[in-house]
């Protein structure tokens, strides 16, 4: 339960099915609470399934930056 930076996109409902079809395990779509209290659909994943927990990096983009410097 730590806060991380997320990216929020406005996806037209007409494209939702195609988007979901492209979502593969270990990713899933779940409900995510934003700082303002709003709940949105977002990617969720079990860190043990991915092999890395990005929480300490503060978000996906920060982890990508760190990973690219290794």
PDB file of N, CA and C in Angstrom:
ATOM      1  N   UNK A   1       0.716  -1.200   0.000  1.00  0.00           N
ATOM      2  CA  UNK A   1       0.000   0.000   0.000  1.00  0.00           C
ATOM      3  C   UNK A   1       0.762   1.278   0.000  1.00  0.00           C
ATOM      4  N   UNK A   2       1.741   1.475  -0.846  1.00  0.00           N
ATOM      5  CA  UNK A   2       2.425   2.759  -0.956  1.00  0.00           C
ATOM      6  C   UNK A   2       1.967   3.488  -2.216  1.00  0.00           C
ATOM      7  N   UNK A   3       2.007   4.812  -2.151  1.00  0.00           N
ATOM      8  CA  UNK A   3       1.631   5.615  -3.316  1.00  0.00           C
ATOM      9  C   UNK A   3       2.742   5.586  -4.360  1.00  0.00           C
ATOM     10  N   UNK A   4       2.349   5.533  -5.629  1.00  0.00           N
ATOM     11  CA  UNK A   4       3.294   5.646  -6.740  1.00  0.00           C
ATOM     12  C   UNK A   4       2.706   6.589  -7.781  1.00  0.00           C
ATOM     13  N   UNK A   5       3.555   7.108  -8.635  1.00  0.00           N
ATOM     14  CA  UNK A   5       3.118   7.969  -9.730  1.00  0.00           C
ATOM     15  C   UNK A   5       2.475   7.094 -10.797  1.00  0.00           C
ATOM     16  N   UNK A   6       1.330   7.531 -11.320  1.00  0.00           N
ATOM     17  CA  UNK A   6       0.647   6.795 -12.380  1.00  0.00           C
ATOM     18  C   UNK A   6       0.381   7.726 -13.560  1.00  0.00           C
ATOM     19  N   UNK A   7       0.085   7.146 -14.684  1.00  0.00           N
ATOM     20  CA  UNK A   7      -0.324   7.892 -15.870  1.00  0.00           C
ATOM     21  C   UNK A   7      -1.805   7.605 -16.094  1.00  0.00           C
ATOM     22  N   UNK A   8      -2.591   8.647 -16.339  1.00  0.00           N
ATOM     23  CA  UNK A   8      -4.026   8.486 -16.537  1.00  0.00           C
ATOM     24  C   UNK A   8      -4.360   8.887 -17.971  1.00  0.00           C
ATOM     25  N   UNK A   9      -5.045   8.011 -18.679  1.00  0.00           N
ATOM     26  CA  UNK A   9      -5.435   8.243 -20.065  1.00  0.00           C
ATOM     27  C   UNK A   9      -6.945   8.176 -20.192  1.00  0.00           C
ATOM     28  N   UNK A  10      -7.479   8.896 -21.156  1.00  0.00           N
ATOM     29  CA  UNK A  10      -8.908   8.862 -21.453  1.00  0.00           C
ATOM     30  C   UNK A  10      -9.099   7.948 -22.662  1.00  0.00           C
ATOM     31  N   UNK A  11      -9.575   6.738 -22.411  1.00  0.00           N
ATOM     32  CA  UNK A  11      -9.774   5.750 -23.470  1.00  0.00           C
ATOM     33  C   UNK A  11     -11.251   5.703 -23.834  1.00  0.00           C
ATOM     34  N   UNK A  12     -11.595   5.982 -25.085  1.00  0.00           N
ATOM     35  CA  UNK A  12     -13.006   5.913 -25.483  1.00  0.00           C
ATOM     36  C   UNK A  12     -13.581   4.525 -25.227  1.00  0.00           C
ATOM     37  N   UNK A  13     -14.802   4.483 -24.735  1.00  0.00           N
ATOM     38  CA  UNK A  13     -15.465   3.221 -24.412  1.00  0.00           C
ATOM     39  C   UNK A  13     -15.494   2.276 -25.615  1.00  0.00           C
ATOM     40  N   UNK A  14     -15.609   2.816 -26.802  1.00  0.00           N
ATOM     41  CA  UNK A  14     -15.655   1.982 -28.014  1.00  0.00           C
ATOM     42  C   UNK A  14     -14.365   1.181 -28.208  1.00  0.00           C
ATOM     43  N   UNK A  15     -13.255   1.618 -27.612  1.00  0.00           N
ATOM     44  CA  UNK A  15     -11.964   0.930 -27.764  1.00  0.00           C
ATOM     45  C   UNK A  15     -11.626   0.028 -26.584  1.00  0.00           C
ATOM     46  N   UNK A  16     -12.477   0.012 -25.568  1.00  0.00           N
ATOM     47  CA  UNK A  16     -12.187  -0.712 -24.340  1.00  0.00           C
ATOM     48  C   UNK A  16     -11.991  -2.211 -24.566  1.00  0.00           C
ATOM     49  N   UNK A  17     -12.846  -2.840 -25.359  1.00  0.00           N
ATOM     50  CA  UNK A  17     -12.734  -4.277 -25.611  1.00  0.00           C
ATOM     51  C   UNK A  17     -11.421  -4.656 -26.266  1.00  0.00           C
ATOM     52  N   UNK A  18     -11.009  -3.907 -27.259  1.00  0.00           N
ATOM     53  CA  UNK A  18      -9.739  -4.192 -27.940  1.00  0.00           C
ATOM     54  C   UNK A  18      -8.562  -3.994 -26.991  1.00  0.00           C
ATOM     55  N   UNK A  19      -8.663  -2.967 -26.143  1.00  0.00           N
ATOM     56  CA  UNK A  19      -7.618  -2.718 -25.156  1.00  0.00           C
ATOM     57  C   UNK A  19      -7.501  -3.894 -24.185  1.00  0.00           C
ATOM     58  N   UNK A  20      -8.634  -4.351 -23.660  1.00  0.00           N
ATOM     59  CA  UNK A  20      -8.628  -5.472 -22.722  1.00  0.00           C
ATOM     60  C   UNK A  20      -8.095  -6.740 -23.365  1.00  0.00           C
ATOM     61  N   UNK A  21      -8.396  -6.942 -24.627  1.00  0.00           N
ATOM     62  CA  UNK A  21      -7.927  -8.127 -25.331  1.00  0.00           C
ATOM     63  C   UNK A  21      -6.403  -8.171 -25.400  1.00  0.00           C
ATOM     64  N   UNK A  22      -5.757  -7.025 -25.375  1.00  0.00           N
ATOM     65  CA  UNK A  22      -4.299  -6.960 -25.436  1.00  0.00           C
ATOM     66  C   UNK A  22      -3.618  -7.077 -24.082  1.00  0.00           C
ATOM     67  N   UNK A  23      -4.385  -7.104 -23.019  1.00  0.00           N
ATOM     68  CA  UNK A  23      -3.838  -7.188 -21.662  1.00  0.00           C
ATOM     69  C   UNK A  23      -3.539  -8.653 -21.341  1.00  0.00           C
ATOM     70  N   UNK A  24      -2.288  -8.969 -21.136  1.00  0.00           N
ATOM     71  CA  UNK A  24      -1.872 -10.354 -20.896  1.00  0.00           C
ATOM     72  C   UNK A  24      -1.319 -10.527 -19.482  1.00  0.00           C
ATOM     73  N   UNK A  25      -1.499 -11.709 -18.924  1.00  0.00           N
ATOM     74  CA  UNK A  25      -0.958 -12.049 -17.602  1.00  0.00           C
ATOM     75  C   UNK A  25       0.559 -11.880 -17.613  1.00  0.00           C
ATOM     76  N   UNK A  26       1.142 -11.413 -16.553  1.00  0.00           N
ATOM     77  CA  UNK A  26       0.579 -11.251 -15.218  1.00  0.00           C
ATOM     78  C   UNK A  26      -0.119  -9.899 -14.987  1.00  0.00           C
ATOM     79  N   UNK A  27      -0.290  -9.105 -16.031  1.00  0.00           N
ATOM     80  CA  UNK A  27      -1.049  -7.867 -15.877  1.00  0.00           C
ATOM     81  C   UNK A  27      -2.537  -8.155 -15.857  1.00  0.00           C
ATOM     82  N   UNK A  28      -3.262  -7.316 -15.171  1.00  0.00           N
ATOM     83  CA  UNK A  28      -4.717  -7.394 -15.125  1.00  0.00           C
ATOM     84  C   UNK A  28      -5.238  -5.966 -14.976  1.00  0.00           C
ATOM     85  N   UNK A  29      -6.525  -5.802 -15.172  1.00  0.00           N
ATOM     86  CA  UNK A  29      -7.154  -4.506 -14.957  1.00  0.00           C
ATOM     87  C   UNK A  29      -7.861  -4.556 -13.608  1.00  0.00           C
ATOM     88  N   UNK A  30      -7.603  -3.566 -12.787  1.00  0.00           N
ATOM     89  CA  UNK A  30      -8.228  -3.492 -11.471  1.00  0.00           C
ATOM     90  C   UNK A  30      -8.546  -2.048 -11.142  1.00  0.00           C
ATOM     91  N   UNK A  31      -9.166  -1.831 -10.009  1.00  0.00           N
ATOM     92  CA  UNK A  31      -9.512  -0.481  -9.576  1.00  0.00           C
ATOM     93  C   UNK A  31      -8.346   0.102  -8.800  1.00  0.00           C
ATOM     94  N   UNK A  32      -7.993   1.354  -9.129  1.00  0.00           N
ATOM     95  CA  UNK A  32      -6.862   2.052  -8.529  1.00  0.00           C
ATOM     96  C   UNK A  32      -7.367   3.380  -7.983  1.00  0.00           C
ATOM     97  N   UNK A  33      -7.012   3.690  -6.745  1.00  0.00           N
ATOM     98  CA  UNK A  33      -7.434   4.961  -6.150  1.00  0.00           C
ATOM     99  C   UNK A  33      -6.371   6.026  -6.366  1.00  0.00           C
ATOM    100  N   UNK A  34      -6.792   7.167  -6.891  1.00  0.00           N
ATOM    101  CA  UNK A  34      -5.895   8.298  -7.122  1.00  0.00           C
ATOM    102  C   UNK A  34      -5.825   9.187  -5.883  1.00  0.00           C
ATOM    103  N   UNK A  35      -4.833  10.078  -5.840  1.00  0.00           N
ATOM    104  CA  UNK A  35      -4.673  10.992  -4.705  1.00  0.00           C
ATOM    105  C   UNK A  35      -5.925  11.804  -4.409  1.00  0.00           C
ATOM    106  N   UNK A  36      -6.684  12.143  -5.442  1.00  0.00           N
ATOM    107  CA  UNK A  36      -7.879  12.971  -5.232  1.00  0.00           C
ATOM    108  C   UNK A  36      -9.091  12.157  -4.768  1.00  0.00           C
ATOM    109  N   UNK A  37      -8.894  10.863  -4.542  1.00  0.00           N
ATOM    110  CA  UNK A  37      -9.974  10.000  -4.073  1.00  0.00           C
ATOM    111  C   UNK A  37     -10.760   9.325  -5.183  1.00  0.00           C
ATOM    112  N   UNK A  38     -10.517   9.706  -6.423  1.00  0.00           N
ATOM    113  CA  UNK A  38     -11.202   9.079  -7.556  1.00  0.00           C
ATOM    114  C   UNK A  38     -10.676   7.659  -7.754  1.00  0.00           C
ATOM    115  N   UNK A  39     -11.581   6.772  -8.182  1.00  0.00           N
ATOM    116  CA  UNK A  39     -11.209   5.401  -8.519  1.00  0.00           C
ATOM    117  C   UNK A  39     -11.269   5.244 -10.029  1.00  0.00           C
ATOM    118  N   UNK A  40     -10.209   4.705 -10.620  1.00  0.00           N
ATOM    119  CA  UNK A  40     -10.137   4.500 -12.068  1.00  0.00           C
ATOM    120  C   UNK A  40      -9.713   3.060 -12.347  1.00  0.00           C
ATOM    121  N   UNK A  41      -9.962   2.600 -13.558  1.00  0.00           N
ATOM    122  CA  UNK A  41      -9.465   1.296 -13.981  1.00  0.00           C
ATOM    123  C   UNK A  41      -7.985   1.452 -14.319  1.00  0.00           C
ATOM    124  N   UNK A  42      -7.187   0.512 -13.861  1.00  0.00           N
ATOM    125  CA  UNK A  42      -5.751   0.603 -14.126  1.00  0.00           C
ATOM    126  C   UNK A  42      -5.111  -0.769 -14.152  1.00  0.00           C
ATOM    127  N   UNK A  43      -3.875  -0.791 -14.615  1.00  0.00           N
ATOM    128  CA  UNK A  43      -3.117  -2.039 -14.616  1.00  0.00           C
ATOM    129  C   UNK A  43      -2.741  -2.399 -13.189  1.00  0.00           C
ATOM    130  N   UNK A  44      -2.918  -3.644 -12.857  1.00  0.00           N
ATOM    131  CA  UNK A  44      -2.461  -4.188 -11.587  1.00  0.00           C
ATOM    132  C   UNK A  44      -1.698  -5.470 -11.902  1.00  0.00           C
ATOM    133  N   UNK A  45      -0.773  -5.807 -11.024  1.00  0.00           N
ATOM    134  CA  UNK A  45       0.005  -7.026 -11.227  1.00  0.00           C
ATOM    135  C   UNK A  45       0.561  -7.489  -9.896  1.00  0.00           C
ATOM    136  N   UNK A  46       0.747  -8.758  -9.776  1.00  0.00           N
ATOM    137  CA  UNK A  46       1.378  -9.336  -8.603  1.00  0.00           C
ATOM    138  C   UNK A  46       2.881  -9.216  -8.786  1.00  0.00           C
ATOM    139  N   UNK A  47       3.550  -8.505  -7.890  1.00  0.00           N
ATOM    140  CA  UNK A  47       4.995  -8.295  -8.017  1.00  0.00           C
ATOM    141  C   UNK A  47       5.754  -9.608  -8.094  1.00  0.00           C
ATOM    142  N   UNK A  48       5.288 -10.635  -7.376  1.00  0.00           N
ATOM    143  CA  UNK A  48       5.997 -11.919  -7.417  1.00  0.00           C
ATOM    144  C   UNK A  48       5.901 -12.558  -8.801  1.00  0.00           C
ATOM    145  N   UNK A  49       4.825 -12.285  -9.526  1.00  0.00           N
ATOM    146  CA  UNK A  49       4.680 -12.824 -10.876  1.00  0.00           C
ATOM    147  C   UNK A  49       5.601 -12.103 -11.849  1.00  0.00           C
ATOM    148  N   UNK A  50       5.848 -10.821 -11.598  1.00  0.00           N
ATOM    149  CA  UNK A  50       6.708 -10.042 -12.482  1.00  0.00           C
ATOM    150  C   UNK A  50       8.180 -10.198 -12.136  1.00  0.00           C
ATOM    151  N   UNK A  51       8.472 -10.556 -10.889  1.00  0.00           N
ATOM    152  CA  UNK A  51       9.856 -10.703 -10.480  1.00  0.00           C
ATOM    153  C   UNK A  51      10.480  -9.417  -9.996  1.00  0.00           C
ATOM    154  N   UNK A  52       9.746  -8.300 -10.035  1.00  0.00           N
ATOM    155  CA  UNK A  52      10.287  -7.026  -9.549  1.00  0.00           C
ATOM    156  C   UNK A  52       9.150  -6.207  -8.952  1.00  0.00           C
ATOM    157  N   UNK A  53       9.431  -5.570  -7.823  1.00  0.00           N
ATOM    158  CA  UNK A  53       8.470  -4.678  -7.188  1.00  0.00           C
ATOM    159  C   UNK A  53       8.958  -3.256  -7.422  1.00  0.00           C
ATOM    160  N   UNK A  54       8.207  -2.474  -8.174  1.00  0.00           N
ATOM    161  CA  UNK A  54       8.639  -1.120  -8.548  1.00  0.00           C
ATOM    162  C   UNK A  54       8.271  -0.067  -7.508  1.00  0.00           C
ATOM    163  N   UNK A  55       7.597  -0.462  -6.431  1.00  0.00           N
ATOM    164  CA  UNK A  55       7.094   0.502  -5.455  1.00  0.00           C
ATOM    165  C   UNK A  55       8.192   1.431  -4.942  1.00  0.00           C
ATOM    166  N   UNK A  56       9.347   0.910  -4.602  1.00  0.00           N
ATOM    167  CA  UNK A  56      10.438   1.724  -4.053  1.00  0.00           C
ATOM    168  C   UNK A  56      10.927   2.788  -5.042  1.00  0.00           C
ATOM    169  N   UNK A  57      10.681   2.579  -6.326  1.00  0.00           N
ATOM    170  CA  UNK A  57      11.106   3.552  -7.336  1.00  0.00           C
ATOM    171  C   UNK A  57      10.097   4.677  -7.506  1.00  0.00           C
ATOM    172  N   UNK A  58       8.907   4.508  -6.955  1.00  0.00           N
ATOM    173  CA  UNK A  58       7.900   5.563  -7.010  1.00  0.00           C
ATOM    174  C   UNK A  58       7.026   5.545  -8.243  1.00  0.00           C
ATOM    175  N   UNK A  59       7.228   4.595  -9.138  1.00  0.00           N
ATOM    176  CA  UNK A  59       6.389   4.499 -10.321  1.00  0.00           C
ATOM    177  C   UNK A  59       7.100   3.800 -11.470  1.00  0.00           C
ATOM    178  N   UNK A  60       6.326   3.505 -12.491  1.00  0.00           N
ATOM    179  CA  UNK A  60       6.811   2.748 -13.646  1.00  0.00           C
ATOM    180  C   UNK A  60       7.906   3.489 -14.413  1.00  0.00           C
ATOM    181  N   UNK A  61       7.701   4.778 -14.684  1.00  0.00           N
ATOM    182  CA  UNK A  61       8.693   5.535 -15.453  1.00  0.00           C
ATOM    183  C   UNK A  61      10.026   5.621 -14.710  1.00  0.00           C
ATOM    184  N   UNK A  62       9.979   5.825 -13.391  1.00  0.00           N
ATOM    185  CA  UNK A  62      11.215   5.881 -12.602  1.00  0.00           C
ATOM    186  C   UNK A  62      11.942   4.548 -12.637  1.00  0.00           C
ATOM    187  N   UNK A  63      11.182   3.444 -12.587  1.00  0.00           N
ATOM    188  CA  UNK A  63      11.822   2.134 -12.661  1.00  0.00           C
ATOM    189  C   UNK A  63      12.458   1.920 -14.026  1.00  0.00           C
ATOM    190  N   UNK A  64      11.753   2.327 -15.089  1.00  0.00           N
ATOM    191  CA  UNK A  64      12.315   2.188 -16.437  1.00  0.00           C
ATOM    192  C   UNK A  64      13.624   2.958 -16.566  1.00  0.00           C
ATOM    193  N   UNK A  65      13.654   4.168 -16.010  1.00  0.00           N
ATOM    194  CA  UNK A  65      14.878   4.973 -16.048  1.00  0.00           C
ATOM    195  C   UNK A  65      15.997   4.262 -15.302  1.00  0.00           C
ATOM    196  N   UNK A  66      15.706   3.747 -14.118  1.00  0.00           N
ATOM    197  CA  UNK A  66      16.704   3.017 -13.331  1.00  0.00           C
ATOM    198  C   UNK A  66      17.181   1.773 -14.080  1.00  0.00           C
ATOM    199  N   UNK A  67      16.239   1.009 -14.615  1.00  0.00           N
ATOM    200  CA  UNK A  67      16.582  -0.235 -15.290  1.00  0.00           C
ATOM    201  C   UNK A  67      17.437   0.005 -16.532  1.00  0.00           C
ATOM    202  N   UNK A  68      17.213   1.125 -17.223  1.00  0.00           N
ATOM    203  CA  UNK A  68      17.977   1.402 -18.442  1.00  0.00           C
ATOM    204  C   UNK A  68      19.404   1.827 -18.147  1.00  0.00           C
ATOM    205  N   UNK A  69      19.718   2.177 -16.895  1.00  0.00           N
ATOM    206  CA  UNK A  69      21.069   2.600 -16.550  1.00  0.00           C
ATOM    207  C   UNK A  69      21.907   1.451 -16.013  1.00  0.00           C
ATOM    208  N   UNK A  70      21.295   0.251 -15.917  1.00  0.00           N
ATOM    209  CA  UNK A  70      22.057  -0.885 -15.389  1.00  0.00           C
ATOM    210  C   UNK A  70      22.837  -1.549 -16.475  1.00  0.00           C
TER     211      UNK A  70
END
